[in-house]
């Protein structure tokens, strides 16, 4: 093999390695597949995600533990976060509404943190129905919620009337901005910070697929796109 070919292979190999490292540590691309964050983020919005902000941790095989490599900060209330869904190998995007130690309640669709009603101008309700509150033992309520069993017992009632619960240590409470169309911490419990992947920086591309995406193939079916939304490109989330 000639020296020129070897040099080219080496240079391209280094470029690929740098890209892989940068993607693993600093940025990642993510496409919104569902309407749970409407109207803040739309189906088909392609986000560039800052992976650095919450720190970089390496998973310890077969243990569930993580080794901190680069320190980061905790999410703040009101921030949009990207994370791995704890019960499947899928990435979700929601809004952090509460942190460890906060008391969370939803009363007739309205969010309360530590007893204070929260002003959320970004929230959208698409269902006028309000599922009533159901009385339940407070201690058992907290336990079932932390174990992701509460929604199995109370069903959709937790959507509109929820809590109060206390967010455990090393966890946050996340909700979608489209409150009537979001599977979030009301249904599957608190989110451990180890699942955090980053914070969206901006929308680098946006298209209307005409429906919610179930997988990558749904996103890549370009011939079925309804439109490219140029006006959303560059928006900061």
Protein backbone atom coordinates (compact mmCIF):
# COMPACT_ATOMS: atom_id res chain seq x y z
CA UNK A 1 0.00 0.00 0.00
CA UNK A 2 1.42 3.38 -1.02
CA UNK A 3 2.40 6.03 1.48
CA UNK A 4 -0.25 8.41 0.09
CA UNK A 5 -3.02 5.89 0.71
CA UNK A 6 -1.77 5.19 4.22
CA UNK A 7 -1.67 8.91 4.98
CA UNK A 8 -5.22 9.41 3.67
CA UNK A 9 -6.54 6.47 5.71
CA UNK A 10 -4.82 7.83 8.82
CA UNK A 11 -6.17 11.36 8.32
CA UNK A 12 -9.73 10.21 7.69
CA UNK A 13 -9.49 7.81 10.61
CA UNK A 14 -8.50 10.68 12.88
CA UNK A 15 -11.37 12.84 11.60
CA UNK A 16 -13.88 10.04 12.24
CA UNK A 17 -12.44 9.46 15.72
CA UNK A 18 -12.70 13.15 16.60
CA UNK A 19 -16.30 13.28 15.37
CA UNK A 20 -17.20 10.21 17.42
CA UNK A 21 -15.57 11.69 20.54
CA UNK A 22 -17.25 15.08 20.05
CA UNK A 23 -20.62 13.42 19.55
CA UNK A 24 -20.18 11.22 22.61
CA UNK A 25 -19.11 14.10 24.85
CA UNK A 26 -20.42 17.41 23.58
CA UNK A 27 -23.29 17.23 21.09
CA UNK A 28 -25.90 14.81 19.81
CA UNK A 29 -28.72 15.09 17.29
CA UNK A 30 -32.29 14.24 18.23
CA UNK A 31 -35.52 14.41 16.22
CA UNK A 32 -38.83 15.00 18.03
CA UNK A 33 -41.01 11.92 17.27
CA UNK A 34 -44.22 12.74 19.18
CA UNK A 35 -46.40 15.68 20.12
CA UNK A 36 -45.78 15.63 23.88
CA UNK A 37 -43.85 18.94 23.79
CA UNK A 38 -46.18 20.87 21.48
CA UNK A 39 -46.31 23.71 20.91
CA UNK A 40 -42.79 24.40 22.16
CA UNK A 41 -41.30 21.60 20.08
CA UNK A 42 -43.10 20.07 17.11
CA UNK A 43 -42.96 16.60 15.61
CA UNK A 44 -40.08 16.68 13.13
CA UNK A 45 -38.01 19.34 14.90
CA UNK A 46 -34.36 18.23 14.74
CA UNK A 47 -32.42 19.36 17.79
CA UNK A 48 -28.74 19.75 18.51
CA UNK A 49 -28.27 18.59 22.10
CA UNK A 50 -25.56 19.78 24.50
CA UNK A 51 -24.36 16.63 26.26
CA UNK A 52 -21.72 18.47 28.25
CA UNK A 53 -24.01 20.57 30.46
CA UNK A 54 -25.07 17.83 32.93
CA UNK A 55 -21.68 16.15 32.98
CA UNK A 56 -20.28 13.05 31.31
CA UNK A 57 -20.46 9.71 33.08
CA UNK A 58 -19.30 6.27 31.98
CA UNK A 59 -21.60 3.35 32.85
CA UNK A 60 -20.12 0.50 34.88
CA UNK A 61 -21.04 -2.74 33.08
CA UNK A 62 -23.61 -4.98 34.81
CA UNK A 63 -23.92 -2.70 37.84
CA UNK A 64 -26.16 0.24 36.95
CA UNK A 65 -23.54 2.58 38.46
CA UNK A 66 -21.74 5.39 36.66
CA UNK A 67 -18.27 6.89 36.93
CA UNK A 68 -18.19 10.72 36.60
CA UNK A 69 -15.69 11.80 33.93
CA UNK A 70 -16.58 15.46 33.40
CA UNK A 71 -18.55 17.33 36.08
CA UNK A 72 -21.77 19.11 35.20
CA UNK A 73 -24.63 20.84 36.92
CA UNK A 74 -28.12 19.69 37.92
CA UNK A 75 -31.11 20.59 35.73
CA UNK A 76 -32.98 23.73 36.73
CA UNK A 77 -36.74 24.04 37.02
CA UNK A 78 -38.20 24.99 33.66
CA UNK A 79 -35.38 23.59 31.54
CA UNK A 80 -36.03 21.22 28.66
CA UNK A 81 -34.01 18.03 29.03
CA UNK A 82 -33.21 15.04 26.83
CA UNK A 83 -32.90 11.70 28.60
CA UNK A 84 -33.01 7.98 28.14
CA UNK A 85 -36.40 6.60 29.11
CA UNK A 86 -35.72 4.39 32.16
CA UNK A 87 -37.83 1.47 30.92
CA UNK A 88 -36.80 1.29 27.26
CA UNK A 89 -33.77 2.12 25.17
CA UNK A 90 -35.35 5.29 23.78
CA UNK A 91 -34.60 8.97 24.17
CA UNK A 92 -37.31 11.32 25.42
CA UNK A 93 -37.49 15.11 25.66
CA UNK A 94 -39.53 16.77 28.43
CA UNK A 95 -39.38 19.78 30.73
CA UNK A 96 -37.87 19.56 34.22
CA UNK A 97 -40.54 21.01 36.52
CA UNK A 98 -39.18 19.92 39.91
CA UNK A 99 -35.96 18.80 41.56
CA UNK A 100 -35.02 16.52 44.45
CA UNK A 101 -36.84 17.48 47.63
CA UNK A 102 -39.62 19.39 45.85
CA UNK A 103 -43.25 18.56 46.58
CA UNK A 104 -45.24 18.19 43.35
CA UNK A 105 -49.00 18.29 42.91
CA UNK A 106 -51.36 18.75 39.98
CA UNK A 107 -54.83 20.05 40.83
CA UNK A 108 -57.36 20.23 38.00
CA UNK A 109 -54.51 20.35 35.46
CA UNK A 110 -52.63 23.14 37.29
CA UNK A 111 -49.08 22.44 38.52
CA UNK A 112 -48.06 23.28 42.09
CA UNK A 113 -44.49 23.06 43.40
CA UNK A 114 -43.98 23.28 47.16
CA UNK A 115 -47.53 24.59 47.48
CA UNK A 116 -47.04 27.41 44.97
CA UNK A 117 -48.98 27.60 41.72
CA UNK A 118 -46.52 27.66 38.80
CA UNK A 119 -46.94 30.07 35.91
CA UNK A 120 -46.32 28.03 32.76
CA UNK A 121 -47.00 30.10 29.62
CA UNK A 122 -45.56 27.34 27.42
CA UNK A 123 -48.12 24.70 28.50
CA UNK A 124 -50.85 23.62 26.08
CA UNK A 125 -54.02 21.68 26.92
CA UNK A 126 -55.78 19.92 24.06
CA UNK A 127 -58.45 18.08 26.08
CA UNK A 128 -61.10 20.06 27.96
CA UNK A 129 -62.00 17.06 30.13
CA UNK A 130 -60.70 16.96 33.70
CA UNK A 131 -60.27 13.54 35.32
CA UNK A 132 -61.25 13.85 38.96
CA UNK A 133 -59.02 13.19 41.94
CA UNK A 134 -59.15 9.76 43.61
CA UNK A 135 -58.43 9.40 47.33
CA UNK A 136 -55.49 7.13 48.08
CA UNK A 137 -53.28 6.47 51.07
CA UNK A 138 -50.48 9.14 50.93
CA UNK A 139 -47.65 6.80 51.96
CA UNK A 140 -48.72 4.11 49.51
CA UNK A 141 -49.24 6.77 46.85
CA UNK A 142 -45.59 7.88 47.15
CA UNK A 143 -44.31 4.30 47.09
CA UNK A 144 -46.39 3.26 44.09
CA UNK A 145 -45.35 6.40 42.22
CA UNK A 146 -41.64 5.84 42.85
CA UNK A 147 -42.02 2.24 41.64
CA UNK A 148 -43.85 3.30 38.44
CA UNK A 149 -46.98 1.45 39.57
CA UNK A 150 -49.31 4.36 40.32
CA UNK A 151 -50.77 4.79 36.83
CA UNK A 152 -51.62 1.09 36.73
CA UNK A 153 -53.88 1.68 39.74
CA UNK A 154 -55.32 5.15 39.09
CA UNK A 155 -55.10 5.28 35.30
CA UNK A 156 -55.69 8.61 33.54
CA UNK A 157 -56.77 10.28 36.78
CA UNK A 158 -53.09 11.07 37.50
CA UNK A 159 -53.02 13.20 34.35
CA UNK A 160 -55.19 15.99 35.74
CA UNK A 161 -55.06 15.43 39.51
CA UNK A 162 -51.80 14.12 40.88
CA UNK A 163 -49.90 13.99 44.15
CA UNK A 164 -48.69 15.42 46.29
CA UNK A 165 -45.41 13.51 46.07
CA UNK A 166 -41.85 14.40 47.09
CA UNK A 167 -39.15 14.02 44.44
CA UNK A 168 -36.49 11.60 45.80
CA UNK A 169 -32.78 12.36 46.06
CA UNK A 170 -30.87 12.27 42.74
CA UNK A 171 -34.13 12.50 40.77
CA UNK A 172 -36.14 15.12 38.91
CA UNK A 173 -39.79 15.40 37.87
CA UNK A 174 -40.39 15.87 34.13
CA UNK A 175 -43.54 16.76 32.19
CA UNK A 176 -44.40 17.43 28.57
CA UNK A 177 -45.66 20.88 27.58
CA UNK A 178 -48.67 19.26 25.89
CA UNK A 179 -49.99 18.17 29.27
CA UNK A 180 -52.91 16.11 27.97
CA UNK A 181 -50.69 14.17 25.55
CA UNK A 182 -47.57 13.34 27.50
CA UNK A 183 -46.35 10.15 29.16
CA UNK A 184 -44.15 11.63 31.85
CA UNK A 185 -43.31 11.50 35.55
CA UNK A 186 -46.97 11.53 36.50
CA UNK A 187 -47.30 8.10 34.90
CA UNK A 188 -43.90 6.39 35.22
CA UNK A 189 -42.34 8.04 38.25
CA UNK A 190 -39.33 10.22 39.01
CA UNK A 191 -36.39 10.37 36.62
CA UNK A 192 -32.96 9.49 38.01
CA UNK A 193 -30.32 12.01 36.94
CA UNK A 194 -28.14 9.20 35.61
CA UNK A 195 -30.49 8.98 32.61
CA UNK A 196 -29.95 12.60 31.58
CA UNK A 197 -28.30 12.99 28.17
CA UNK A 198 -28.29 16.75 27.71
CA UNK A 199 -30.12 19.97 26.98
CA UNK A 200 -31.34 21.09 23.54
CA UNK A 201 -29.37 23.99 22.09
CA UNK A 202 -31.37 24.93 19.00
CA UNK A 203 -33.42 23.53 16.12
CA UNK A 204 -31.10 22.89 13.17
CA UNK A 205 -33.79 21.48 10.87
CA UNK A 206 -37.56 21.01 10.95
CA UNK A 207 -40.01 19.06 8.83
CA UNK A 208 -43.63 17.99 9.10
CA UNK A 209 -43.92 14.19 8.79
CA UNK A 210 -47.71 14.38 9.04
CA UNK A 211 -47.93 12.00 11.97
CA UNK A 212 -46.14 10.80 15.09
CA UNK A 213 -43.05 8.70 14.43
CA UNK A 214 -42.83 5.24 15.93
CA UNK A 215 -39.27 4.56 14.79
CA UNK A 216 -36.38 5.90 12.67
CA UNK A 217 -37.97 4.58 9.47
CA UNK A 218 -41.00 6.82 10.01
CA UNK A 219 -38.68 9.82 10.22
CA UNK A 220 -36.65 8.91 7.12
CA UNK A 221 -39.64 8.51 4.77
CA UNK A 222 -38.86 11.80 3.07
CA UNK A 223 -41.40 11.27 0.29
CA UNK A 224 -44.20 11.42 2.87
CA UNK A 225 -43.14 14.69 4.49
CA UNK A 226 -45.84 17.36 4.36
CA UNK A 227 -43.48 20.34 4.51
CA UNK A 228 -40.07 21.66 5.52
CA UNK A 229 -40.49 24.35 8.20
CA UNK A 230 -37.70 26.78 7.39
CA UNK A 231 -39.03 29.37 9.85
CA UNK A 232 -38.22 27.09 12.81
CA UNK A 233 -34.58 26.52 11.89
CA UNK A 234 -32.23 28.24 14.30
CA UNK A 235 -34.79 28.66 17.07
CA UNK A 236 -33.39 28.33 20.57
CA UNK A 237 -35.45 26.02 22.78
